[in-house]
PDB file of N, CA and C in Angstrom:
ATOM      1  N   UNK A   1       0.841  -1.177   0.000  1.00  0.00           N
ATOM      2  CA  UNK A   1       0.000   0.000   0.000  1.00  0.00           C
ATOM      3  C   UNK A   1       0.886   1.240   0.000  1.00  0.00           C
ATOM      4  N   UNK A   2       0.488   2.189  -0.803  1.00  0.00           N
ATOM      5  CA  UNK A   2       1.249   3.431  -0.876  1.00  0.00           C
ATOM      6  C   UNK A   2       1.150   4.178   0.447  1.00  0.00           C
ATOM      7  N   UNK A   3       2.238   4.862   0.776  1.00  0.00           N
ATOM      8  CA  UNK A   3       2.307   5.604   2.032  1.00  0.00           C
ATOM      9  C   UNK A   3       1.200   6.651   2.134  1.00  0.00           C
ATOM     10  N   UNK A   4       0.922   7.327   1.030  1.00  0.00           N
ATOM     11  CA  UNK A   4      -0.107   8.378   1.053  1.00  0.00           C
ATOM     12  C   UNK A   4      -1.488   7.778   1.326  1.00  0.00           C
ATOM     13  N   UNK A   5      -1.760   6.641   0.739  1.00  0.00           N
ATOM     14  CA  UNK A   5      -3.057   5.991   0.970  1.00  0.00           C
ATOM     15  C   UNK A   5      -3.170   5.543   2.423  1.00  0.00           C
ATOM     16  N   UNK A   6      -2.096   4.949   2.943  1.00  0.00           N
ATOM     17  CA  UNK A   6      -2.088   4.514   4.349  1.00  0.00           C
ATOM     18  C   UNK A   6      -2.353   5.696   5.280  1.00  0.00           C
ATOM     19  N   UNK A   7      -1.663   6.798   5.020  1.00  0.00           N
ATOM     20  CA  UNK A   7      -1.836   7.987   5.862  1.00  0.00           C
ATOM     21  C   UNK A   7      -3.263   8.527   5.771  1.00  0.00           C
ATOM     22  N   UNK A   8      -3.821   8.512   4.561  1.00  0.00           N
ATOM     23  CA  UNK A   8      -5.189   8.998   4.371  1.00  0.00           C
ATOM     24  C   UNK A   8      -6.192   8.125   5.129  1.00  0.00           C
ATOM     25  N   UNK A   9      -6.009   6.824   5.062  1.00  0.00           N
ATOM     26  CA  UNK A   9      -6.903   5.910   5.784  1.00  0.00           C
ATOM     27  C   UNK A   9      -6.786   6.102   7.293  1.00  0.00           C
ATOM     28  N   UNK A  10      -5.556   6.198   7.766  1.00  0.00           N
ATOM     29  CA  UNK A  10      -5.351   6.389   9.204  1.00  0.00           C
ATOM     30  C   UNK A  10      -5.930   7.718   9.677  1.00  0.00           C
ATOM     31  N   UNK A  11      -5.798   8.750   8.862  1.00  0.00           N
ATOM     32  CA  UNK A  11      -6.363  10.054   9.215  1.00  0.00           C
ATOM     33  C   UNK A  11      -7.883   9.981   9.276  1.00  0.00           C
ATOM     34  N   UNK A  12      -8.464   9.083   8.490  1.00  0.00           N
ATOM     35  CA  UNK A  12      -9.915   8.910   8.493  1.00  0.00           C
ATOM     36  C   UNK A  12     -10.408   7.995   9.602  1.00  0.00           C
ATOM     37  N   UNK A  13      -9.489   7.561  10.473  1.00  0.00           N
ATOM     38  CA  UNK A  13      -9.881   6.734  11.603  1.00  0.00           C
ATOM     39  C   UNK A  13      -9.771   5.237  11.366  1.00  0.00           C
ATOM     40  N   UNK A  14      -9.263   4.844  10.198  1.00  0.00           N
ATOM     41  CA  UNK A  14      -9.110   3.428   9.890  1.00  0.00           C
ATOM     42  C   UNK A  14      -7.816   2.887  10.482  1.00  0.00           C
ATOM     43  N   UNK A  15      -7.869   1.646  10.873  1.00  0.00           N
ATOM     44  CA  UNK A  15      -6.673   0.960  11.363  1.00  0.00           C
ATOM     45  C   UNK A  15      -6.098   0.163  10.200  1.00  0.00           C
ATOM     46  N   UNK A  16      -4.825   0.326   9.926  1.00  0.00           N
ATOM     47  CA  UNK A  16      -4.179  -0.334   8.800  1.00  0.00           C
ATOM     48  C   UNK A  16      -3.214  -1.392   9.333  1.00  0.00           C
ATOM     49  N   UNK A  17      -3.361  -2.601   8.814  1.00  0.00           N
ATOM     50  CA  UNK A  17      -2.479  -3.689   9.229  1.00  0.00           C
ATOM     51  C   UNK A  17      -2.333  -4.703   8.112  1.00  0.00           C
ATOM     52  N   UNK A  18      -1.775  -5.847   8.449  1.00  0.00           N
ATOM     53  CA  UNK A  18      -1.612  -6.883   7.435  1.00  0.00           C
ATOM     54  C   UNK A  18      -2.483  -8.088   7.775  1.00  0.00           C
ATOM     55  N   UNK A  19      -2.470  -9.061   6.898  1.00  0.00           N
ATOM     56  CA  UNK A  19      -3.308 -10.251   7.080  1.00  0.00           C
ATOM     57  C   UNK A  19      -2.941 -11.005   8.340  1.00  0.00           C
ATOM     58  N   UNK A  20      -1.653 -11.065   8.646  1.00  0.00           N
ATOM     59  CA  UNK A  20      -1.218 -11.771   9.848  1.00  0.00           C
ATOM     60  C   UNK A  20      -1.860 -11.162  11.094  1.00  0.00           C
ATOM     61  N   UNK A  21      -1.843  -9.859  11.159  1.00  0.00           N
ATOM     62  CA  UNK A  21      -2.439  -9.169  12.301  1.00  0.00           C
ATOM     63  C   UNK A  21      -3.955  -9.359  12.315  1.00  0.00           C
ATOM     64  N   UNK A  22      -4.593  -9.192  11.167  1.00  0.00           N
ATOM     65  CA  UNK A  22      -6.048  -9.300  11.060  1.00  0.00           C
ATOM     66  C   UNK A  22      -6.533 -10.695  11.461  1.00  0.00           C
ATOM     67  N   UNK A  23      -5.821 -11.720  11.021  1.00  0.00           N
ATOM     68  CA  UNK A  23      -6.217 -13.104  11.301  1.00  0.00           C
ATOM     69  C   UNK A  23      -5.644 -13.629  12.614  1.00  0.00           C
ATOM     70  N   UNK A  24      -4.845 -12.803  13.268  1.00  0.00           N
ATOM     71  CA  UNK A  24      -4.206 -13.170  14.532  1.00  0.00           C
ATOM     72  C   UNK A  24      -3.364 -14.451  14.380  1.00  0.00           C
ATOM     73  N   UNK A  25      -2.532 -14.452  13.339  1.00  0.00           N
ATOM     74  CA  UNK A  25      -1.670 -15.589  13.063  1.00  0.00           C
ATOM     75  C   UNK A  25      -0.357 -15.451  13.825  1.00  0.00           C
ATOM     76  N   UNK A  26       0.174 -16.578  14.262  1.00  0.00           N
ATOM     77  CA  UNK A  26       1.506 -16.567  14.853  1.00  0.00           C
ATOM     78  C   UNK A  26       2.521 -16.396  13.731  1.00  0.00           C
ATOM     79  N   UNK A  27       3.758 -16.110  14.086  1.00  0.00           N
ATOM     80  CA  UNK A  27       4.820 -16.002  13.085  1.00  0.00           C
ATOM     81  C   UNK A  27       4.939 -17.297  12.295  1.00  0.00           C
ATOM     82  N   UNK A  28       4.819 -18.430  12.986  1.00  0.00           N
ATOM     83  CA  UNK A  28       4.945 -19.734  12.334  1.00  0.00           C
ATOM     84  C   UNK A  28       3.794 -19.976  11.355  1.00  0.00           C
ATOM     85  N   UNK A  29       2.573 -19.618  11.757  1.00  0.00           N
ATOM     86  CA  UNK A  29       1.424 -19.792  10.865  1.00  0.00           C
ATOM     87  C   UNK A  29       1.547 -18.918   9.619  1.00  0.00           C
ATOM     88  N   UNK A  30       1.975 -17.682   9.808  1.00  0.00           N
ATOM     89  CA  UNK A  30       2.148 -16.774   8.674  1.00  0.00           C
ATOM     90  C   UNK A  30       3.248 -17.286   7.741  1.00  0.00           C
ATOM     91  N   UNK A  31       4.336 -17.792   8.313  1.00  0.00           N
ATOM     92  CA  UNK A  31       5.435 -18.324   7.502  1.00  0.00           C
ATOM     93  C   UNK A  31       4.975 -19.541   6.711  1.00  0.00           C
ATOM     94  N   UNK A  32       4.182 -20.406   7.337  1.00  0.00           N
ATOM     95  CA  UNK A  32       3.679 -21.598   6.652  1.00  0.00           C
ATOM     96  C   UNK A  32       2.788 -21.210   5.468  1.00  0.00           C
ATOM     97  N   UNK A  33       1.925 -20.247   5.672  1.00  0.00           N
ATOM     98  CA  UNK A  33       1.052 -19.780   4.586  1.00  0.00           C
ATOM     99  C   UNK A  33       1.883 -19.223   3.447  1.00  0.00           C
ATOM    100  N   UNK A  34       2.877 -18.414   3.770  1.00  0.00           N
ATOM    101  CA  UNK A  34       3.736 -17.839   2.729  1.00  0.00           C
ATOM    102  C   UNK A  34       4.492 -18.926   1.972  1.00  0.00           C
ATOM    103  N   UNK A  35       4.973 -19.969   2.681  1.00  0.00           N
ATOM    104  CA  UNK A  35       5.659 -21.079   2.018  1.00  0.00           C
ATOM    105  C   UNK A  35       4.725 -21.803   1.059  1.00  0.00           C
ATOM    106  N   UNK A  36       3.532 -22.122   1.539  1.00  0.00           N
ATOM    107  CA  UNK A  36       2.574 -22.855   0.714  1.00  0.00           C
ATOM    108  C   UNK A  36       2.151 -22.044  -0.510  1.00  0.00           C
ATOM    109  N   UNK A  37       1.870 -20.765  -0.308  1.00  0.00           N
ATOM    110  CA  UNK A  37       1.463 -19.916  -1.428  1.00  0.00           C
ATOM    111  C   UNK A  37       2.601 -19.715  -2.417  1.00  0.00           C
ATOM    112  N   UNK A  38       3.791 -19.541  -1.891  1.00  0.00           N
ATOM    113  CA  UNK A  38       4.948 -19.387  -2.767  1.00  0.00           C
ATOM    114  C   UNK A  38       5.200 -20.624  -3.596  1.00  0.00           C
ATOM    115  N   UNK A  39       5.055 -21.801  -2.975  1.00  0.00           N
ATOM    116  CA  UNK A  39       5.286 -23.042  -3.704  1.00  0.00           C
ATOM    117  C   UNK A  39       4.178 -23.277  -4.727  1.00  0.00           C
ATOM    118  N   UNK A  40       2.955 -22.912  -4.382  1.00  0.00           N
ATOM    119  CA  UNK A  40       1.843 -23.023  -5.338  1.00  0.00           C
ATOM    120  C   UNK A  40       2.122 -22.157  -6.566  1.00  0.00           C
ATOM    121  N   UNK A  41       2.624 -20.962  -6.343  1.00  0.00           N
ATOM    122  CA  UNK A  41       2.974 -20.051  -7.435  1.00  0.00           C
ATOM    123  C   UNK A  41       4.094 -20.654  -8.287  1.00  0.00           C
ATOM    124  N   UNK A  42       5.086 -21.234  -7.644  1.00  0.00           N
ATOM    125  CA  UNK A  42       6.191 -21.888  -8.346  1.00  0.00           C
ATOM    126  C   UNK A  42       5.677 -23.019  -9.232  1.00  0.00           C
ATOM    127  N   UNK A  43       4.761 -23.843  -8.701  1.00  0.00           N
ATOM    128  CA  UNK A  43       4.231 -24.961  -9.483  1.00  0.00           C
ATOM    129  C   UNK A  43       3.510 -24.466 -10.732  1.00  0.00           C
ATOM    130  N   UNK A  44       2.716 -23.447 -10.580  1.00  0.00           N
ATOM    131  CA  UNK A  44       2.003 -22.892 -11.739  1.00  0.00           C
ATOM    132  C   UNK A  44       2.989 -22.378 -12.775  1.00  0.00           C
ATOM    133  N   UNK A  45       4.007 -21.630 -12.329  1.00  0.00           N
ATOM    134  CA  UNK A  45       5.025 -21.123 -13.241  1.00  0.00           C
ATOM    135  C   UNK A  45       5.719 -22.260 -13.986  1.00  0.00           C
ATOM    136  N   UNK A  46       6.068 -23.307 -13.261  1.00  0.00           N
ATOM    137  CA  UNK A  46       6.777 -24.436 -13.866  1.00  0.00           C
ATOM    138  C   UNK A  46       5.883 -25.170 -14.866  1.00  0.00           C
ATOM    139  N   UNK A  47       4.626 -25.367 -14.509  1.00  0.00           N
ATOM    140  CA  UNK A  47       3.695 -26.030 -15.428  1.00  0.00           C
ATOM    141  C   UNK A  47       3.535 -25.211 -16.707  1.00  0.00           C
ATOM    142  N   UNK A  48       3.363 -23.916 -16.570  1.00  0.00           N
ATOM    143  CA  UNK A  48       3.211 -23.051 -17.736  1.00  0.00           C
ATOM    144  C   UNK A  48       4.493 -22.984 -18.558  1.00  0.00           C
ATOM    145  N   UNK A  49       5.637 -22.980 -17.892  1.00  0.00           N
ATOM    146  CA  UNK A  49       6.919 -22.963 -18.592  1.00  0.00           C
ATOM    147  C   UNK A  49       7.044 -24.186 -19.499  1.00  0.00           C
ATOM    148  N   UNK A  50       6.483 -25.296 -19.048  1.00  0.00           N
ATOM    149  CA  UNK A  50       6.529 -26.529 -19.824  1.00  0.00           C
ATOM    150  C   UNK A  50       5.357 -26.640 -20.796  1.00  0.00           C
ATOM    151  N   UNK A  51       4.536 -25.605 -20.861  1.00  0.00           N
ATOM    152  CA  UNK A  51       3.378 -25.562 -21.762  1.00  0.00           C
ATOM    153  C   UNK A  51       2.463 -26.775 -21.539  1.00  0.00           C
ATOM    154  N   UNK A  52       2.200 -27.046 -20.270  1.00  0.00           N
ATOM    155  CA  UNK A  52       1.362 -28.185 -19.897  1.00  0.00           C
ATOM    156  C   UNK A  52       0.046 -27.668 -19.324  1.00  0.00           C
ATOM    157  N   UNK A  53      -1.038 -28.319 -19.661  1.00  0.00           N
ATOM    158  CA  UNK A  53      -2.338 -27.932 -19.117  1.00  0.00           C
ATOM    159  C   UNK A  53      -2.509 -28.498 -17.710  1.00  0.00           C
ATOM    160  N   UNK A  54      -3.449 -27.922 -16.992  1.00  0.00           N
ATOM    161  CA  UNK A  54      -3.776 -28.460 -15.666  1.00  0.00           C
ATOM    162  C   UNK A  54      -4.259 -29.894 -15.793  1.00  0.00           C
ATOM    163  N   UNK A  55      -5.041 -30.181 -16.815  1.00  0.00           N
ATOM    164  CA  UNK A  55      -5.572 -31.531 -17.019  1.00  0.00           C
ATOM    165  C   UNK A  55      -4.442 -32.536 -17.264  1.00  0.00           C
ATOM    166  N   UNK A  56      -3.450 -32.127 -18.048  1.00  0.00           N
ATOM    167  CA  UNK A  56      -2.326 -33.031 -18.337  1.00  0.00           C
ATOM    168  C   UNK A  56      -1.523 -33.317 -17.073  1.00  0.00           C
ATOM    169  N   UNK A  57      -1.293 -32.287 -16.260  1.00  0.00           N
ATOM    170  CA  UNK A  57      -0.565 -32.499 -15.000  1.00  0.00           C
ATOM    171  C   UNK A  57      -1.382 -33.382 -14.070  1.00  0.00           C
ATOM    172  N   UNK A  58      -2.676 -33.156 -14.018  1.00  0.00           N
ATOM    173  CA  UNK A  58      -3.555 -33.973 -13.174  1.00  0.00           C
ATOM    174  C   UNK A  58      -3.480 -35.443 -13.577  1.00  0.00           C
ATOM    175  N   UNK A  59      -3.540 -35.692 -14.868  1.00  0.00           N
ATOM    176  CA  UNK A  59      -3.469 -37.072 -15.355  1.00  0.00           C
ATOM    177  C   UNK A  59      -2.135 -37.705 -14.969  1.00  0.00           C
ATOM    178  N   UNK A  60      -1.079 -36.929 -15.094  1.00  0.00           N
ATOM    179  CA  UNK A  60       0.261 -37.421 -14.785  1.00  0.00           C
ATOM    180  C   UNK A  60       0.401 -37.850 -13.321  1.00  0.00           C
ATOM    181  N   UNK A  61      -0.271 -37.142 -12.412  1.00  0.00           N
ATOM    182  CA  UNK A  61      -0.131 -37.473 -10.985  1.00  0.00           C
ATOM    183  C   UNK A  61      -1.337 -38.214 -10.420  1.00  0.00           C
ATOM    184  N   UNK A  62      -2.280 -38.569 -11.289  1.00  0.00           N
ATOM    185  CA  UNK A  62      -3.452 -39.320 -10.839  1.00  0.00           C
ATOM    186  C   UNK A  62      -4.409 -38.501 -10.003  1.00  0.00           C
ATOM    187  N   UNK A  63      -4.625 -37.273 -10.433  1.00  0.00           N
ATOM    188  CA  UNK A  63      -5.521 -36.377  -9.709  1.00  0.00           C
ATOM    189  C   UNK A  63      -6.508 -35.791 -10.707  1.00  0.00           C
ATOM    190  N   UNK A  64      -7.154 -34.700 -10.337  1.00  0.00           N
ATOM    191  CA  UNK A  64      -8.130 -34.053 -11.221  1.00  0.00           C
ATOM    192  C   UNK A  64      -7.666 -32.645 -11.566  1.00  0.00           C
ATOM    193  N   UNK A  65      -8.189 -32.127 -12.673  1.00  0.00           N
ATOM    194  CA  UNK A  65      -7.860 -30.761 -13.087  1.00  0.00           C
ATOM    195  C   UNK A  65      -8.277 -29.764 -12.020  1.00  0.00           C
ATOM    196  N   UNK A  66      -9.436 -29.993 -11.404  1.00  0.00           N
ATOM    197  CA  UNK A  66      -9.901 -29.050 -10.380  1.00  0.00           C
ATOM    198  C   UNK A  66      -8.973 -29.048  -9.162  1.00  0.00           C
ATOM    199  N   UNK A  67      -8.374 -30.198  -8.881  1.00  0.00           N
ATOM    200  CA  UNK A  67      -7.429 -30.282  -7.756  1.00  0.00           C
ATOM    201  C   UNK A  67      -6.161 -29.492  -8.084  1.00  0.00           C
ATOM    202  N   UNK A  68      -5.721 -29.555  -9.339  1.00  0.00           N
ATOM    203  CA  UNK A  68      -4.551 -28.785  -9.754  1.00  0.00           C
ATOM    204  C   UNK A  68      -4.858 -27.292  -9.659  1.00  0.00           C
ATOM    205  N   UNK A  69      -6.054 -26.899 -10.063  1.00  0.00           N
ATOM    206  CA  UNK A  69      -6.454 -25.490  -9.960  1.00  0.00           C
ATOM    207  C   UNK A  69      -6.435 -25.043  -8.499  1.00  0.00           C
ATOM    208  N   UNK A  70      -6.947 -25.887  -7.613  1.00  0.00           N
ATOM    209  CA  UNK A  70      -6.928 -25.556  -6.178  1.00  0.00           C
ATOM    210  C   UNK A  70      -5.491 -25.473  -5.670  1.00  0.00           C
ATOM    211  N   UNK A  71      -4.642 -26.387  -6.139  1.00  0.00           N
ATOM    212  CA  UNK A  71      -3.242 -26.393  -5.738  1.00  0.00           C
ATOM    213  C   UNK A  71      -2.585 -25.072  -6.120  1.00  0.00           C
ATOM    214  N   UNK A  72      -2.784 -24.662  -7.357  1.00  0.00           N
ATOM    215  CA  UNK A  72      -2.160 -23.438  -7.854  1.00  0.00           C
ATOM    216  C   UNK A  72      -2.735 -22.183  -7.213  1.00  0.00           C
ATOM    217  N   UNK A  73      -3.951 -22.268  -6.701  1.00  0.00           N
ATOM    218  CA  UNK A  73      -4.578 -21.130  -6.026  1.00  0.00           C
ATOM    219  C   UNK A  73      -4.200 -21.063  -4.557  1.00  0.00           C
ATOM    220  N   UNK A  74      -3.437 -22.057  -4.086  1.00  0.00           N
ATOM    221  CA  UNK A  74      -3.033 -22.056  -2.682  1.00  0.00           C
ATOM    222  C   UNK A  74      -4.120 -22.506  -1.742  1.00  0.00           C
ATOM    223  N   UNK A  75      -5.064 -23.273  -2.232  1.00  0.00           N
ATOM    224  CA  UNK A  75      -6.161 -23.792  -1.399  1.00  0.00           C
ATOM    225  C   UNK A  75      -5.564 -24.637  -0.264  1.00  0.00           C
ATOM    226  N   UNK A  76      -5.908 -24.327   0.985  1.00  0.00           N
ATOM    227  CA  UNK A  76      -5.308 -25.050   2.110  1.00  0.00           C
ATOM    228  C   UNK A  76      -5.673 -26.532   2.195  1.00  0.00           C
ATOM    229  N   UNK A  77      -6.702 -26.969   1.475  1.00  0.00           N
ATOM    230  CA  UNK A  77      -7.087 -28.379   1.532  1.00  0.00           C
ATOM    231  C   UNK A  77      -6.143 -29.276   0.725  1.00  0.00           C
ATOM    232  N   UNK A  78      -5.281 -28.680  -0.089  1.00  0.00           N
ATOM    233  CA  UNK A  78      -4.335 -29.456  -0.896  1.00  0.00           C
ATOM    234  C   UNK A  78      -3.090 -29.725  -0.059  1.00  0.00           C
ATOM    235  N   UNK A  79      -2.718 -30.990   0.035  1.00  0.00           N
ATOM    236  CA  UNK A  79      -1.566 -31.357   0.865  1.00  0.00           C
ATOM    237  C   UNK A  79      -0.255 -30.971   0.196  1.00  0.00           C
ATOM    238  N   UNK A  80       0.736 -30.711   1.019  1.00  0.00           N
ATOM    239  CA  UNK A  80       2.070 -30.437   0.503  1.00  0.00           C
ATOM    240  C   UNK A  80       2.610 -31.682  -0.198  1.00  0.00           C
ATOM    241  N   UNK A  81       2.201 -32.860   0.253  1.00  0.00           N
ATOM    242  CA  UNK A  81       2.629 -34.090  -0.405  1.00  0.00           C
ATOM    243  C   UNK A  81       2.204 -34.123  -1.860  1.00  0.00           C
ATOM    244  N   UNK A  82       0.964 -33.714  -2.132  1.00  0.00           N
ATOM    245  CA  UNK A  82       0.483 -33.680  -3.513  1.00  0.00           C
ATOM    246  C   UNK A  82       1.236 -32.611  -4.304  1.00  0.00           C
ATOM    247  N   UNK A  83       1.523 -31.504  -3.669  1.00  0.00           N
ATOM    248  CA  UNK A  83       2.271 -30.439  -4.334  1.00  0.00           C
ATOM    249  C   UNK A  83       3.688 -30.909  -4.670  1.00  0.00           C
ATOM    250  N   UNK A  84       4.313 -31.636  -3.751  1.00  0.00           N
ATOM    251  CA  UNK A  84       5.653 -32.170  -4.017  1.00  0.00           C
ATOM    252  C   UNK A  84       5.597 -33.205  -5.146  1.00  0.00           C
ATOM    253  N   UNK A  85       4.566 -34.039  -5.134  1.00  0.00           N
ATOM    254  CA  UNK A  85       4.417 -35.044  -6.195  1.00  0.00           C
ATOM    255  C   UNK A  85       4.270 -34.361  -7.555  1.00  0.00           C
ATOM    256  N   UNK A  86       3.499 -33.279  -7.593  1.00  0.00           N
ATOM    257  CA  UNK A  86       3.331 -32.534  -8.845  1.00  0.00           C
ATOM    258  C   UNK A  86       4.670 -31.963  -9.307  1.00  0.00           C
ATOM    259  N   UNK A  87       5.421 -31.393  -8.383  1.00  0.00           N
ATOM    260  CA  UNK A  87       6.726 -30.823  -8.738  1.00  0.00           C
ATOM    261  C   UNK A  87       7.660 -31.902  -9.279  1.00  0.00           C
ATOM    262  N   UNK A  88       7.701 -33.032  -8.602  1.00  0.00           N
ATOM    263  CA  UNK A  88       8.564 -34.123  -9.051  1.00  0.00           C
ATOM    264  C   UNK A  88       8.149 -34.623 -10.427  1.00  0.00           C
ATOM    265  N   UNK A  89       6.842 -34.685 -10.673  1.00  0.00           N
ATOM    266  CA  UNK A  89       6.359 -35.146 -11.977  1.00  0.00           C
ATOM    267  C   UNK A  89       6.672 -34.133 -13.080  1.00  0.00           C
ATOM    268  N   UNK A  90       6.878 -32.880 -12.696  1.00  0.00           N
ATOM    269  CA  UNK A  90       7.277 -31.852 -13.661  1.00  0.00           C
ATOM    270  C   UNK A  90       8.791 -31.861 -13.895  1.00  0.00           C
ATOM    271  N   UNK A  91       9.475 -32.782 -13.215  1.00  0.00           N
ATOM    272  CA  UNK A  91      10.920 -32.895 -13.394  1.00  0.00           C
ATOM    273  C   UNK A  91      11.743 -32.049 -12.455  1.00  0.00           C
ATOM    274  N   UNK A  92      11.108 -31.468 -11.442  1.00  0.00           N
ATOM    275  CA  UNK A  92      11.835 -30.672 -10.461  1.00  0.00           C
ATOM    276  C   UNK A  92      12.525 -31.645  -9.506  1.00  0.00           C
ATOM    277  N   UNK A  93      13.810 -31.461  -9.295  1.00  0.00           N
ATOM    278  CA  UNK A  93      14.551 -32.342  -8.393  1.00  0.00           C
ATOM    279  C   UNK A  93      14.227 -32.009  -6.940  1.00  0.00           C
ATOM    280  N   UNK A  94      14.518 -32.926  -6.011  1.00  0.00           N
ATOM    281  CA  UNK A  94      14.310 -32.600  -4.596  1.00  0.00           C
ATOM    282  C   UNK A  94      15.069 -31.334  -4.178  1.00  0.00           C
ATOM    283  N   UNK A  95      16.283 -31.151  -4.696  1.00  0.00           N
ATOM    284  CA  UNK A  95      17.012 -29.930  -4.348  1.00  0.00           C
ATOM    285  C   UNK A  95      16.355 -28.706  -4.995  1.00  0.00           C
ATOM    286  N   UNK A  96      15.750 -28.893  -6.177  1.00  0.00           N
ATOM    287  CA  UNK A  96      15.021 -27.805  -6.820  1.00  0.00           C
ATOM    288  C   UNK A  96      13.791 -27.404  -6.017  1.00  0.00           C
ATOM    289  N   UNK A  97      13.156 -28.404  -5.410  1.00  0.00           N
ATOM    290  CA  UNK A  97      12.009 -28.115  -4.538  1.00  0.00           C
ATOM    291  C   UNK A  97      12.475 -27.280  -3.355  1.00  0.00           C
ATOM    292  N   UNK A  98      13.604 -27.672  -2.775  1.00  0.00           N
ATOM    293  CA  UNK A  98      14.159 -26.912  -1.647  1.00  0.00           C
ATOM    294  C   UNK A  98      14.476 -25.478  -2.030  1.00  0.00           C
ATOM    295  N   UNK A  99      15.069 -25.300  -3.203  1.00  0.00           N
ATOM    296  CA  UNK A  99      15.386 -23.947  -3.677  1.00  0.00           C
ATOM    297  C   UNK A  99      14.118 -23.138  -3.896  1.00  0.00           C
ATOM    298  N   UNK A 100      13.099 -23.765  -4.475  1.00  0.00           N
ATOM    299  CA  UNK A 100      11.833 -23.065  -4.708  1.00  0.00           C
ATOM    300  C   UNK A 100      11.195 -22.643  -3.391  1.00  0.00           C
ATOM    301  N   UNK A 101      11.306 -23.493  -2.388  1.00  0.00           N
ATOM    302  CA  UNK A 101      10.698 -23.187  -1.087  1.00  0.00           C
ATOM    303  C   UNK A 101      11.441 -22.062  -0.365  1.00  0.00           C
ATOM    304  N   UNK A 102      12.702 -21.867  -0.698  1.00  0.00           N
ATOM    305  CA  UNK A 102      13.496 -20.882   0.038  1.00  0.00           C
ATOM    306  C   UNK A 102      13.668 -19.555  -0.695  1.00  0.00           C
ATOM    307  N   UNK A 103      13.021 -19.406  -1.857  1.00  0.00           N
ATOM    308  CA  UNK A 103      13.160 -18.154  -2.603  1.00  0.00           C
ATOM    309  C   UNK A 103      12.500 -17.000  -1.863  1.00  0.00           C
ATOM    310  N   UNK A 104      13.273 -15.990  -1.501  1.00  0.00           N
ATOM    311  CA  UNK A 104      12.704 -14.868  -0.744  1.00  0.00           C
ATOM    312  C   UNK A 104      11.883 -13.913  -1.590  1.00  0.00           C
ATOM    313  N   UNK A 105      11.955 -14.022  -2.911  1.00  0.00           N
ATOM    314  CA  UNK A 105      11.246 -13.068  -3.760  1.00  0.00           C
ATOM    315  C   UNK A 105       9.904 -13.599  -4.238  1.00  0.00           C
ATOM    316  N   UNK A 106       9.442 -14.694  -3.638  1.00  0.00           N
ATOM    317  CA  UNK A 106       8.184 -15.308  -4.054  1.00  0.00           C
ATOM    318  C   UNK A 106       7.037 -14.584  -3.366  1.00  0.00           C
ATOM    319  N   UNK A 107       6.167 -13.893  -4.119  1.00  0.00           N
ATOM    320  CA  UNK A 107       5.063 -13.170  -3.494  1.00  0.00           C
ATOM    321  C   UNK A 107       3.964 -14.108  -3.008  1.00  0.00           C
ATOM    322  N   UNK A 108       3.369 -13.755  -1.918  1.00  0.00           N
ATOM    323  CA  UNK A 108       2.240 -14.508  -1.396  1.00  0.00           C
ATOM    324  C   UNK A 108       0.926 -13.884  -1.825  1.00  0.00           C
ATOM    325  N   UNK A 109      -0.135 -14.385  -1.296  1.00  0.00           N
ATOM    326  CA  UNK A 109      -1.477 -13.939  -1.676  1.00  0.00           C
ATOM    327  C   UNK A 109      -1.687 -12.449  -1.443  1.00  0.00           C
ATOM    328  N   UNK A 110      -1.068 -11.877  -0.437  1.00  0.00           N
ATOM    329  CA  UNK A 110      -1.327 -10.485  -0.096  1.00  0.00           C
ATOM    330  C   UNK A 110      -0.276  -9.551  -0.671  1.00  0.00           C
ATOM    331  N   UNK A 111       0.483 -10.025  -1.650  1.00  0.00           N
ATOM    332  CA  UNK A 111       1.477  -9.170  -2.282  1.00  0.00           C
ATOM    333  C   UNK A 111       2.691  -8.930  -1.421  1.00  0.00           C
ATOM    334  N   UNK A 112       2.809  -9.653  -0.339  1.00  0.00           N
ATOM    335  CA  UNK A 112       3.913  -9.491   0.587  1.00  0.00           C
ATOM    336  C   UNK A 112       5.004 -10.484   0.218  1.00  0.00           C
ATOM    337  N   UNK A 113       6.238 -10.063   0.269  1.00  0.00           N
ATOM    338  CA  UNK A 113       7.316 -10.977  -0.031  1.00  0.00           C
ATOM    339  C   UNK A 113       7.561 -11.875   1.167  1.00  0.00           C
ATOM    340  N   UNK A 114       7.753 -13.162   0.872  1.00  0.00           N
ATOM    341  CA  UNK A 114       8.055 -14.123   1.926  1.00  0.00           C
ATOM    342  C   UNK A 114       9.456 -13.834   2.437  1.00  0.00           C
ATOM    343  N   UNK A 115       9.669 -14.154   3.675  1.00  0.00           N
ATOM    344  CA  UNK A 115      11.030 -13.956   4.166  1.00  0.00           C
ATOM    345  C   UNK A 115      11.138 -13.917   5.625  1.00  0.00           C
TER     346      UNK A 115
END
């Protein structure tokens, strides 16, 4: 959020904060969400880089297209195990998964950089 907008909202009596504060998340919970969202974003990028459809990836891992869509959207009902399986099926090595999980420039749902 731009500084001027934040100041204008605060001057109008609004309280400005982030999702972590609003949802009363612990540091660990917020970090977990950022990791999951960042990895979901990575999977989508990798699938698109390979010019693969959601349906094709779903078939490859024995899942459904709608499950892949939920995975890429960061839906919390999708297990990290399924996300790792998708990455491996896309040819991402275990060390590549680790690198993807540790990228500090991966934006999360709220436009905040993980880190």
